[in-house]
PDB file of N, CA and C in Angstrom:
ATOM      1  N   UNK A   1     -13.696 -11.608 -50.091  1.00  0.00           N
ATOM      2  CA  UNK A   1     -15.092 -11.302 -50.356  1.00  0.00           C
ATOM      3  C   UNK A   1     -15.646 -10.463 -49.218  1.00  0.00           C
ATOM      4  N   UNK A   2     -16.591  -9.595 -49.530  1.00  0.00           N
ATOM      5  CA  UNK A   2     -17.216  -8.747 -48.528  1.00  0.00           C
ATOM      6  C   UNK A   2     -18.286  -9.489 -47.752  1.00  0.00           C
ATOM      7  N   UNK A   3     -19.061  -8.749 -47.010  1.00  0.00           N
ATOM      8  CA  UNK A   3     -20.102  -9.333 -46.175  1.00  0.00           C
ATOM      9  C   UNK A   3     -21.382  -9.494 -46.966  1.00  0.00           C
ATOM     10  N   UNK A   4     -22.216 -10.450 -46.527  1.00  0.00           N
ATOM     11  CA  UNK A   4     -23.464 -10.668 -47.229  1.00  0.00           C
ATOM     12  C   UNK A   4     -24.592 -10.862 -46.253  1.00  0.00           C
ATOM     13  N   UNK A   5     -25.788 -10.634 -46.700  1.00  0.00           N
ATOM     14  CA  UNK A   5     -26.981 -10.939 -45.916  1.00  0.00           C
ATOM     15  C   UNK A   5     -27.578 -12.173 -46.547  1.00  0.00           C
ATOM     16  N   UNK A   6     -27.303 -13.312 -45.922  1.00  0.00           N
ATOM     17  CA  UNK A   6     -27.694 -14.612 -46.441  1.00  0.00           C
ATOM     18  C   UNK A   6     -29.191 -14.850 -46.274  1.00  0.00           C
ATOM     19  N   UNK A   7     -29.770 -15.503 -47.248  1.00  0.00           N
ATOM     20  CA  UNK A   7     -31.184 -15.855 -47.194  1.00  0.00           C
ATOM     21  C   UNK A   7     -31.373 -16.950 -46.145  1.00  0.00           C
ATOM     22  N   UNK A   8     -32.293 -16.721 -45.236  1.00  0.00           N
ATOM     23  CA  UNK A   8     -32.654 -17.725 -44.238  1.00  0.00           C
ATOM     24  C   UNK A   8     -34.070 -18.166 -44.581  1.00  0.00           C
ATOM     25  N   UNK A   9     -34.164 -19.317 -45.236  1.00  0.00           N
ATOM     26  CA  UNK A   9     -35.464 -19.775 -45.721  1.00  0.00           C
ATOM     27  C   UNK A   9     -36.428 -20.148 -44.603  1.00  0.00           C
ATOM     28  N   UNK A  10     -35.912 -20.270 -43.365  1.00  0.00           N
ATOM     29  CA  UNK A  10     -36.794 -20.603 -42.250  1.00  0.00           C
ATOM     30  C   UNK A  10     -37.548 -19.381 -41.735  1.00  0.00           C
ATOM     31  N   UNK A  11     -37.124 -18.193 -42.165  1.00  0.00           N
ATOM     32  CA  UNK A  11     -37.781 -16.962 -41.727  1.00  0.00           C
ATOM     33  C   UNK A  11     -38.869 -16.551 -42.699  1.00  0.00           C
ATOM     34  N   UNK A  12     -39.924 -16.012 -42.154  1.00  0.00           N
ATOM     35  CA  UNK A  12     -40.997 -15.433 -42.966  1.00  0.00           C
ATOM     36  C   UNK A  12     -40.775 -13.928 -43.002  1.00  0.00           C
ATOM     37  N   UNK A  13     -39.683 -13.515 -43.625  1.00  0.00           N
ATOM     38  CA  UNK A  13     -39.306 -12.100 -43.630  1.00  0.00           C
ATOM     39  C   UNK A  13     -40.105 -11.333 -44.678  1.00  0.00           C
ATOM     40  N   UNK A  14     -40.665 -10.190 -44.272  1.00  0.00           N
ATOM     41  CA  UNK A  14     -41.383  -9.379 -45.259  1.00  0.00           C
ATOM     42  C   UNK A  14     -40.406  -8.798 -46.286  1.00  0.00           C
ATOM     43  N   UNK A  15     -40.876  -8.671 -47.521  1.00  0.00           N
ATOM     44  CA  UNK A  15     -40.062  -8.088 -48.583  1.00  0.00           C
ATOM     45  C   UNK A  15     -39.884  -6.604 -48.303  1.00  0.00           C
ATOM     46  N   UNK A  16     -38.717  -6.101 -48.605  1.00  0.00           N
ATOM     47  CA  UNK A  16     -38.368  -4.708 -48.335  1.00  0.00           C
ATOM     48  C   UNK A  16     -39.221  -3.725 -49.120  1.00  0.00           C
ATOM     49  N   UNK A  17     -39.315  -2.523 -48.590  1.00  0.00           N
ATOM     50  CA  UNK A  17     -39.918  -1.405 -49.298  1.00  0.00           C
ATOM     51  C   UNK A  17     -38.751  -0.717 -50.002  1.00  0.00           C
ATOM     52  N   UNK A  18     -38.537  -1.093 -51.252  1.00  0.00           N
ATOM     53  CA  UNK A  18     -37.362  -0.653 -52.006  1.00  0.00           C
ATOM     54  C   UNK A  18     -37.238   0.864 -52.044  1.00  0.00           C
ATOM     55  N   UNK A  19     -38.307   1.539 -52.339  1.00  0.00           N
ATOM     56  CA  UNK A  19     -38.269   3.005 -52.441  1.00  0.00           C
ATOM     57  C   UNK A  19     -37.856   3.634 -51.102  1.00  0.00           C
ATOM     58  N   UNK A  20     -38.454   3.170 -50.021  1.00  0.00           N
ATOM     59  CA  UNK A  20     -38.166   3.714 -48.689  1.00  0.00           C
ATOM     60  C   UNK A  20     -36.716   3.449 -48.279  1.00  0.00           C
ATOM     61  N   UNK A  21     -36.255   2.213 -48.434  1.00  0.00           N
ATOM     62  CA  UNK A  21     -34.907   1.878 -47.990  1.00  0.00           C
ATOM     63  C   UNK A  21     -33.837   2.541 -48.866  1.00  0.00           C
ATOM     64  N   UNK A  22     -34.058   2.622 -50.172  1.00  0.00           N
ATOM     65  CA  UNK A  22     -33.077   3.291 -51.032  1.00  0.00           C
ATOM     66  C   UNK A  22     -33.044   4.795 -50.772  1.00  0.00           C
ATOM     67  N   UNK A  23     -34.192   5.383 -50.453  1.00  0.00           N
ATOM     68  CA  UNK A  23     -34.224   6.808 -50.107  1.00  0.00           C
ATOM     69  C   UNK A  23     -33.434   7.052 -48.827  1.00  0.00           C
ATOM     70  N   UNK A  24     -33.589   6.163 -47.847  1.00  0.00           N
ATOM     71  CA  UNK A  24     -32.834   6.273 -46.596  1.00  0.00           C
ATOM     72  C   UNK A  24     -31.337   6.156 -46.864  1.00  0.00           C
ATOM     73  N   UNK A  25     -30.944   5.180 -47.669  1.00  0.00           N
ATOM     74  CA  UNK A  25     -29.532   4.981 -47.978  1.00  0.00           C
ATOM     75  C   UNK A  25     -28.948   6.201 -48.683  1.00  0.00           C
ATOM     76  N   UNK A  26     -29.699   6.756 -49.599  1.00  0.00           N
ATOM     77  CA  UNK A  26     -29.255   7.951 -50.323  1.00  0.00           C
ATOM     78  C   UNK A  26     -29.093   9.141 -49.391  1.00  0.00           C
ATOM     79  N   UNK A  27     -29.929   9.189 -48.355  1.00  0.00           N
ATOM     80  CA  UNK A  27     -29.865  10.289 -47.393  1.00  0.00           C
ATOM     81  C   UNK A  27     -28.664  10.146 -46.454  1.00  0.00           C
ATOM     82  N   UNK A  28     -28.430   8.929 -45.923  1.00  0.00           N
ATOM     83  CA  UNK A  28     -27.387   8.758 -44.912  1.00  0.00           C
ATOM     84  C   UNK A  28     -26.002   8.490 -45.498  1.00  0.00           C
ATOM     85  N   UNK A  29     -25.945   7.908 -46.681  1.00  0.00           N
ATOM     86  CA  UNK A  29     -24.667   7.655 -47.362  1.00  0.00           C
ATOM     87  C   UNK A  29     -24.783   8.096 -48.825  1.00  0.00           C
ATOM     88  N   UNK A  30     -24.975   9.396 -49.045  1.00  0.00           N
ATOM     89  CA  UNK A  30     -25.249   9.882 -50.405  1.00  0.00           C
ATOM     90  C   UNK A  30     -24.133   9.561 -51.402  1.00  0.00           C
ATOM     91  N   UNK A  31     -22.896   9.458 -50.916  1.00  0.00           N
ATOM     92  CA  UNK A  31     -21.790   9.197 -51.823  1.00  0.00           C
ATOM     93  C   UNK A  31     -21.941   7.854 -52.543  1.00  0.00           C
ATOM     94  N   UNK A  32     -22.594   6.897 -51.929  1.00  0.00           N
ATOM     95  CA  UNK A  32     -22.803   5.605 -52.588  1.00  0.00           C
ATOM     96  C   UNK A  32     -23.672   5.756 -53.830  1.00  0.00           C
ATOM     97  N   UNK A  33     -24.800   6.426 -53.659  1.00  0.00           N
ATOM     98  CA  UNK A  33     -25.712   6.607 -54.783  1.00  0.00           C
ATOM     99  C   UNK A  33     -25.104   7.510 -55.845  1.00  0.00           C
ATOM    100  N   UNK A  34     -24.469   8.579 -55.390  1.00  0.00           N
ATOM    101  CA  UNK A  34     -23.877   9.535 -56.330  1.00  0.00           C
ATOM    102  C   UNK A  34     -22.775   8.899 -57.168  1.00  0.00           C
ATOM    103  N   UNK A  35     -22.084   7.932 -56.607  1.00  0.00           N
ATOM    104  CA  UNK A  35     -20.981   7.277 -57.311  1.00  0.00           C
ATOM    105  C   UNK A  35     -21.420   5.972 -57.982  1.00  0.00           C
ATOM    106  N   UNK A  36     -22.706   5.705 -58.006  1.00  0.00           N
ATOM    107  CA  UNK A  36     -23.217   4.499 -58.654  1.00  0.00           C
ATOM    108  C   UNK A  36     -22.781   3.217 -57.964  1.00  0.00           C
ATOM    109  N   UNK A  37     -22.637   3.267 -56.647  1.00  0.00           N
ATOM    110  CA  UNK A  37     -22.151   2.098 -55.911  1.00  0.00           C
ATOM    111  C   UNK A  37     -23.267   1.337 -55.211  1.00  0.00           C
ATOM    112  N   UNK A  38     -24.503   1.560 -55.656  1.00  0.00           N
ATOM    113  CA  UNK A  38     -25.652   0.802 -55.160  1.00  0.00           C
ATOM    114  C   UNK A  38     -26.309   0.160 -56.373  1.00  0.00           C
ATOM    115  N   UNK A  39     -26.436  -1.152 -56.326  1.00  0.00           N
ATOM    116  CA  UNK A  39     -27.031  -1.887 -57.438  1.00  0.00           C
ATOM    117  C   UNK A  39     -28.193  -2.726 -56.930  1.00  0.00           C
ATOM    118  N   UNK A  40     -29.305  -2.666 -57.628  1.00  0.00           N
ATOM    119  CA  UNK A  40     -30.434  -3.543 -57.339  1.00  0.00           C
ATOM    120  C   UNK A  40     -30.492  -4.542 -58.482  1.00  0.00           C
ATOM    121  N   UNK A  41     -30.440  -5.823 -58.122  1.00  0.00           N
ATOM    122  CA  UNK A  41     -30.420  -6.880 -59.138  1.00  0.00           C
ATOM    123  C   UNK A  41     -31.669  -7.732 -59.032  1.00  0.00           C
ATOM    124  N   UNK A  42     -32.034  -8.355 -60.128  1.00  0.00           N
ATOM    125  CA  UNK A  42     -33.225  -9.206 -60.167  1.00  0.00           C
ATOM    126  C   UNK A  42     -32.894 -10.560 -59.535  1.00  0.00           C
ATOM    127  N   UNK A  43     -33.722 -10.968 -58.592  1.00  0.00           N
ATOM    128  CA  UNK A  43     -33.548 -12.262 -57.950  1.00  0.00           C
ATOM    129  C   UNK A  43     -32.506 -12.230 -56.845  1.00  0.00           C
ATOM    130  N   UNK A  44     -32.259 -13.404 -56.296  1.00  0.00           N
ATOM    131  CA  UNK A  44     -31.292 -13.520 -55.216  1.00  0.00           C
ATOM    132  C   UNK A  44     -29.876 -13.411 -55.755  1.00  0.00           C
ATOM    133  N   UNK A  45     -28.953 -13.060 -54.874  1.00  0.00           N
ATOM    134  CA  UNK A  45     -27.559 -12.837 -55.246  1.00  0.00           C
ATOM    135  C   UNK A  45     -26.763 -14.091 -54.895  1.00  0.00           C
ATOM    136  N   UNK A  46     -26.089 -14.641 -55.877  1.00  0.00           N
ATOM    137  CA  UNK A  46     -25.255 -15.814 -55.651  1.00  0.00           C
ATOM    138  C   UNK A  46     -23.857 -15.350 -55.270  1.00  0.00           C
ATOM    139  N   UNK A  47     -23.398 -15.784 -54.114  1.00  0.00           N
ATOM    140  CA  UNK A  47     -22.096 -15.342 -53.610  1.00  0.00           C
ATOM    141  C   UNK A  47     -21.279 -16.535 -53.140  1.00  0.00           C
ATOM    142  N   UNK A  48     -19.994 -16.365 -53.120  1.00  0.00           N
ATOM    143  CA  UNK A  48     -19.108 -17.396 -52.603  1.00  0.00           C
ATOM    144  C   UNK A  48     -18.927 -18.567 -53.541  1.00  0.00           C
ATOM    145  N   UNK A  49     -17.989 -19.402 -53.185  1.00  0.00           N
ATOM    146  CA  UNK A  49     -17.641 -20.563 -54.012  1.00  0.00           C
ATOM    147  C   UNK A  49     -18.740 -21.617 -54.048  1.00  0.00           C
ATOM    148  N   UNK A  50     -19.552 -21.654 -53.001  1.00  0.00           N
ATOM    149  CA  UNK A  50     -20.617 -22.656 -52.927  1.00  0.00           C
ATOM    150  C   UNK A  50     -21.938 -22.129 -53.486  1.00  0.00           C
ATOM    151  N   UNK A  51     -21.945 -20.897 -53.961  1.00  0.00           N
ATOM    152  CA  UNK A  51     -23.165 -20.335 -54.528  1.00  0.00           C
ATOM    153  C   UNK A  51     -24.235 -20.015 -53.513  1.00  0.00           C
ATOM    154  N   UNK A  52     -23.824 -19.602 -52.314  1.00  0.00           N
ATOM    155  CA  UNK A  52     -24.770 -19.211 -51.281  1.00  0.00           C
ATOM    156  C   UNK A  52     -25.677 -18.111 -51.818  1.00  0.00           C
ATOM    157  N   UNK A  53     -26.954 -18.164 -51.487  1.00  0.00           N
ATOM    158  CA  UNK A  53     -27.907 -17.145 -51.930  1.00  0.00           C
ATOM    159  C   UNK A  53     -28.076 -16.096 -50.849  1.00  0.00           C
ATOM    160  N   UNK A  54     -28.121 -14.847 -51.277  1.00  0.00           N
ATOM    161  CA  UNK A  54     -28.209 -13.739 -50.319  1.00  0.00           C
ATOM    162  C   UNK A  54     -29.177 -12.678 -50.830  1.00  0.00           C
ATOM    163  N   UNK A  55     -29.716 -11.906 -49.869  1.00  0.00           N
ATOM    164  CA  UNK A  55     -30.575 -10.769 -50.197  1.00  0.00           C
ATOM    165  C   UNK A  55     -29.739  -9.538 -50.493  1.00  0.00           C
ATOM    166  N   UNK A  56     -28.542  -9.477 -49.921  1.00  0.00           N
ATOM    167  CA  UNK A  56     -27.686  -8.318 -50.112  1.00  0.00           C
ATOM    168  C   UNK A  56     -26.234  -8.690 -49.943  1.00  0.00           C
ATOM    169  N   UNK A  57     -25.380  -7.834 -50.477  1.00  0.00           N
ATOM    170  CA  UNK A  57     -23.943  -8.069 -50.367  1.00  0.00           C
ATOM    171  C   UNK A  57     -23.216  -6.739 -50.424  1.00  0.00           C
ATOM    172  N   UNK A  58     -22.164  -6.620 -49.626  1.00  0.00           N
ATOM    173  CA  UNK A  58     -21.254  -5.484 -49.727  1.00  0.00           C
ATOM    174  C   UNK A  58     -19.900  -6.068 -50.088  1.00  0.00           C
ATOM    175  N   UNK A  59     -19.392  -5.711 -51.257  1.00  0.00           N
ATOM    176  CA  UNK A  59     -18.131  -6.262 -51.731  1.00  0.00           C
ATOM    177  C   UNK A  59     -17.445  -5.245 -52.630  1.00  0.00           C
ATOM    178  N   UNK A  60     -16.167  -5.016 -52.362  1.00  0.00           N
ATOM    179  CA  UNK A  60     -15.344  -4.112 -53.174  1.00  0.00           C
ATOM    180  C   UNK A  60     -15.982  -2.730 -53.317  1.00  0.00           C
ATOM    181  N   UNK A  61     -16.576  -2.248 -52.228  1.00  0.00           N
ATOM    182  CA  UNK A  61     -17.150  -0.910 -52.215  1.00  0.00           C
ATOM    183  C   UNK A  61     -18.508  -0.779 -52.875  1.00  0.00           C
ATOM    184  N   UNK A  62     -19.095  -1.889 -53.278  1.00  0.00           N
ATOM    185  CA  UNK A  62     -20.401  -1.886 -53.945  1.00  0.00           C
ATOM    186  C   UNK A  62     -21.433  -2.563 -53.050  1.00  0.00           C
ATOM    187  N   UNK A  63     -22.592  -1.926 -52.905  1.00  0.00           N
ATOM    188  CA  UNK A  63     -23.722  -2.539 -52.217  1.00  0.00           C
ATOM    189  C   UNK A  63     -24.634  -3.106 -53.289  1.00  0.00           C
ATOM    190  N   UNK A  64     -24.855  -4.406 -53.211  1.00  0.00           N
ATOM    191  CA  UNK A  64     -25.734  -5.078 -54.160  1.00  0.00           C
ATOM    192  C   UNK A  64     -26.941  -5.571 -53.371  1.00  0.00           C
ATOM    193  N   UNK A  65     -28.141  -5.251 -53.853  1.00  0.00           N
ATOM    194  CA  UNK A  65     -29.388  -5.614 -53.182  1.00  0.00           C
ATOM    195  C   UNK A  65     -30.296  -6.359 -54.144  1.00  0.00           C
ATOM    196  N   UNK A  66     -30.900  -7.425 -53.655  1.00  0.00           N
ATOM    197  CA  UNK A  66     -31.859  -8.173 -54.451  1.00  0.00           C
ATOM    198  C   UNK A  66     -33.174  -7.404 -54.522  1.00  0.00           C
ATOM    199  N   UNK A  67     -33.837  -7.469 -55.669  1.00  0.00           N
ATOM    200  CA  UNK A  67     -35.140  -6.809 -55.783  1.00  0.00           C
ATOM    201  C   UNK A  67     -36.196  -7.498 -54.919  1.00  0.00           C
ATOM    202  N   UNK A  68     -35.878  -8.689 -54.389  1.00  0.00           N
ATOM    203  CA  UNK A  68     -36.803  -9.408 -53.502  1.00  0.00           C
ATOM    204  C   UNK A  68     -36.200  -9.554 -52.096  1.00  0.00           C
ATOM    205  N   UNK A  69     -35.353  -8.609 -51.735  1.00  0.00           N
ATOM    206  CA  UNK A  69     -34.673  -8.640 -50.434  1.00  0.00           C
ATOM    207  C   UNK A  69     -35.664  -8.586 -49.281  1.00  0.00           C
ATOM    208  N   UNK A  70     -35.213  -9.092 -48.151  1.00  0.00           N
ATOM    209  CA  UNK A  70     -36.012  -8.995 -46.930  1.00  0.00           C
ATOM    210  C   UNK A  70     -35.944  -7.566 -46.400  1.00  0.00           C
ATOM    211  N   UNK A  71     -36.990  -7.169 -45.723  1.00  0.00           N
ATOM    212  CA  UNK A  71     -37.024  -5.858 -45.080  1.00  0.00           C
ATOM    213  C   UNK A  71     -35.784  -5.700 -44.193  1.00  0.00           C
ATOM    214  N   UNK A  72     -35.127  -4.559 -44.289  1.00  0.00           N
ATOM    215  CA  UNK A  72     -33.965  -4.282 -43.456  1.00  0.00           C
ATOM    216  C   UNK A  72     -32.628  -4.626 -44.085  1.00  0.00           C
ATOM    217  N   UNK A  73     -32.634  -5.284 -45.230  1.00  0.00           N
ATOM    218  CA  UNK A  73     -31.371  -5.665 -45.873  1.00  0.00           C
ATOM    219  C   UNK A  73     -30.517  -4.444 -46.169  1.00  0.00           C
ATOM    220  N   UNK A  74     -31.121  -3.366 -46.610  1.00  0.00           N
ATOM    221  CA  UNK A  74     -30.373  -2.140 -46.915  1.00  0.00           C
ATOM    222  C   UNK A  74     -29.651  -1.624 -45.679  1.00  0.00           C
ATOM    223  N   UNK A  75     -30.330  -1.629 -44.541  1.00  0.00           N
ATOM    224  CA  UNK A  75     -29.725  -1.147 -43.297  1.00  0.00           C
ATOM    225  C   UNK A  75     -28.555  -2.050 -42.890  1.00  0.00           C
ATOM    226  N   UNK A  76     -28.736  -3.340 -43.077  1.00  0.00           N
ATOM    227  CA  UNK A  76     -27.687  -4.306 -42.765  1.00  0.00           C
ATOM    228  C   UNK A  76     -26.439  -4.039 -43.620  1.00  0.00           C
ATOM    229  N   UNK A  77     -26.633  -3.853 -44.904  1.00  0.00           N
ATOM    230  CA  UNK A  77     -25.498  -3.605 -45.800  1.00  0.00           C
ATOM    231  C   UNK A  77     -24.863  -2.238 -45.519  1.00  0.00           C
ATOM    232  N   UNK A  78     -25.675  -1.253 -45.155  1.00  0.00           N
ATOM    233  CA  UNK A  78     -25.134   0.073 -44.817  1.00  0.00           C
ATOM    234  C   UNK A  78     -24.219  -0.021 -43.601  1.00  0.00           C
ATOM    235  N   UNK A  79     -24.571  -0.884 -42.646  1.00  0.00           N
ATOM    236  CA  UNK A  79     -23.697  -1.096 -41.493  1.00  0.00           C
ATOM    237  C   UNK A  79     -22.316  -1.552 -41.959  1.00  0.00           C
ATOM    238  N   UNK A  80     -22.283  -2.498 -42.893  1.00  0.00           N
ATOM    239  CA  UNK A  80     -20.993  -2.988 -43.393  1.00  0.00           C
ATOM    240  C   UNK A  80     -20.209  -1.880 -44.089  1.00  0.00           C
ATOM    241  N   UNK A  81     -20.882  -1.003 -44.802  1.00  0.00           N
ATOM    242  CA  UNK A  81     -20.205   0.127 -45.447  1.00  0.00           C
ATOM    243  C   UNK A  81     -19.523   0.986 -44.397  1.00  0.00           C
ATOM    244  N   UNK A  82     -20.273   1.379 -43.392  1.00  0.00           N
ATOM    245  CA  UNK A  82     -19.724   2.242 -42.339  1.00  0.00           C
ATOM    246  C   UNK A  82     -18.596   1.528 -41.602  1.00  0.00           C
ATOM    247  N   UNK A  83     -18.849   0.300 -41.192  1.00  0.00           N
ATOM    248  CA  UNK A  83     -17.875  -0.447 -40.405  1.00  0.00           C
ATOM    249  C   UNK A  83     -16.567  -0.645 -41.180  1.00  0.00           C
ATOM    250  N   UNK A  84     -16.677  -0.994 -42.454  1.00  0.00           N
ATOM    251  CA  UNK A  84     -15.488  -1.330 -43.236  1.00  0.00           C
ATOM    252  C   UNK A  84     -14.813  -0.138 -43.907  1.00  0.00           C
ATOM    253  N   UNK A  85     -15.563   0.904 -44.239  1.00  0.00           N
ATOM    254  CA  UNK A  85     -14.970   2.018 -44.983  1.00  0.00           C
ATOM    255  C   UNK A  85     -14.768   3.289 -44.163  1.00  0.00           C
ATOM    256  N   UNK A  86     -15.575   3.488 -43.143  1.00  0.00           N
ATOM    257  CA  UNK A  86     -15.516   4.755 -42.420  1.00  0.00           C
ATOM    258  C   UNK A  86     -14.847   4.669 -41.050  1.00  0.00           C
ATOM    259  N   UNK A  87     -14.657   3.458 -40.536  1.00  0.00           N
ATOM    260  CA  UNK A  87     -13.979   3.294 -39.254  1.00  0.00           C
ATOM    261  C   UNK A  87     -12.548   2.828 -39.497  1.00  0.00           C
ATOM    262  N   UNK A  88     -11.643   3.276 -38.639  1.00  0.00           N
ATOM    263  CA  UNK A  88     -10.274   2.776 -38.763  1.00  0.00           C
ATOM    264  C   UNK A  88     -10.142   1.491 -37.940  1.00  0.00           C
ATOM    265  N   UNK A  89      -8.978   0.847 -38.033  1.00  0.00           N
ATOM    266  CA  UNK A  89      -8.775  -0.442 -37.370  1.00  0.00           C
ATOM    267  C   UNK A  89      -8.975  -0.351 -35.860  1.00  0.00           C
ATOM    268  N   UNK A  90      -8.509   0.730 -35.251  1.00  0.00           N
ATOM    269  CA  UNK A  90      -8.653   0.902 -33.800  1.00  0.00           C
ATOM    270  C   UNK A  90     -10.138   0.974 -33.412  1.00  0.00           C
ATOM    271  N   UNK A  91     -10.933   1.710 -34.179  1.00  0.00           N
ATOM    272  CA  UNK A  91     -12.372   1.828 -33.903  1.00  0.00           C
ATOM    273  C   UNK A  91     -13.079   0.479 -34.091  1.00  0.00           C
ATOM    274  N   UNK A  92     -12.707  -0.242 -35.156  1.00  0.00           N
ATOM    275  CA  UNK A  92     -13.309  -1.555 -35.392  1.00  0.00           C
ATOM    276  C   UNK A  92     -12.967  -2.513 -34.242  1.00  0.00           C
ATOM    277  N   UNK A  93     -11.706  -2.526 -33.832  1.00  0.00           N
ATOM    278  CA  UNK A  93     -11.286  -3.415 -32.753  1.00  0.00           C
ATOM    279  C   UNK A  93     -11.998  -3.083 -31.449  1.00  0.00           C
ATOM    280  N   UNK A  94     -12.183  -1.799 -31.190  1.00  0.00           N
ATOM    281  CA  UNK A  94     -12.897  -1.366 -29.998  1.00  0.00           C
ATOM    282  C   UNK A  94     -14.335  -1.905 -30.005  1.00  0.00           C
ATOM    283  N   UNK A  95     -14.977  -1.851 -31.152  1.00  0.00           N
ATOM    284  CA  UNK A  95     -16.353  -2.382 -31.256  1.00  0.00           C
ATOM    285  C   UNK A  95     -16.376  -3.901 -31.110  1.00  0.00           C
ATOM    286  N   UNK A  96     -15.379  -4.585 -31.676  1.00  0.00           N
ATOM    287  CA  UNK A  96     -15.285  -6.044 -31.497  1.00  0.00           C
ATOM    288  C   UNK A  96     -15.164  -6.390 -30.020  1.00  0.00           C
ATOM    289  N   UNK A  97     -14.266  -5.668 -29.343  1.00  0.00           N
ATOM    290  CA  UNK A  97     -14.048  -5.921 -27.920  1.00  0.00           C
ATOM    291  C   UNK A  97     -15.308  -5.674 -27.106  1.00  0.00           C
ATOM    292  N   UNK A  98     -16.009  -4.608 -27.418  1.00  0.00           N
ATOM    293  CA  UNK A  98     -17.254  -4.289 -26.707  1.00  0.00           C
ATOM    294  C   UNK A  98     -18.309  -5.374 -26.947  1.00  0.00           C
ATOM    295  N   UNK A  99     -18.385  -5.854 -28.179  1.00  0.00           N
ATOM    296  CA  UNK A  99     -19.364  -6.893 -28.495  1.00  0.00           C
ATOM    297  C   UNK A  99     -19.056  -8.201 -27.765  1.00  0.00           C
ATOM    298  N   UNK A 100     -17.784  -8.496 -27.564  1.00  0.00           N
ATOM    299  CA  UNK A 100     -17.413  -9.730 -26.863  1.00  0.00           C
ATOM    300  C   UNK A 100     -17.858  -9.707 -25.403  1.00  0.00           C
ATOM    301  N   UNK A 101     -17.924  -8.515 -24.812  1.00  0.00           N
ATOM    302  CA  UNK A 101     -18.350  -8.385 -23.415  1.00  0.00           C
ATOM    303  C   UNK A 101     -19.806  -8.715 -23.318  1.00  0.00           C
TER     304      UNK A 101
END
């Protein structure tokens, strides 16, 4: 399974500006939109075997976003796209190592 942006009910997160965030995503990763790999779904996204609820998910090359996502969910999922699809293993490992420091 890919990465997800899990709902944290303890946060008072503002709801995303869907138009603004999708426009940004289309600008920085146009191939996703052009290939129909961005989906906005109604309600929260149920993921995993335990049915965890999430605002967003990146799985199998598809970005799925809840229509009630928290602000910034699109940017979070875009990070996973870049990290998992555009970086090679050496680049990913280098970032892991840097983060551990």
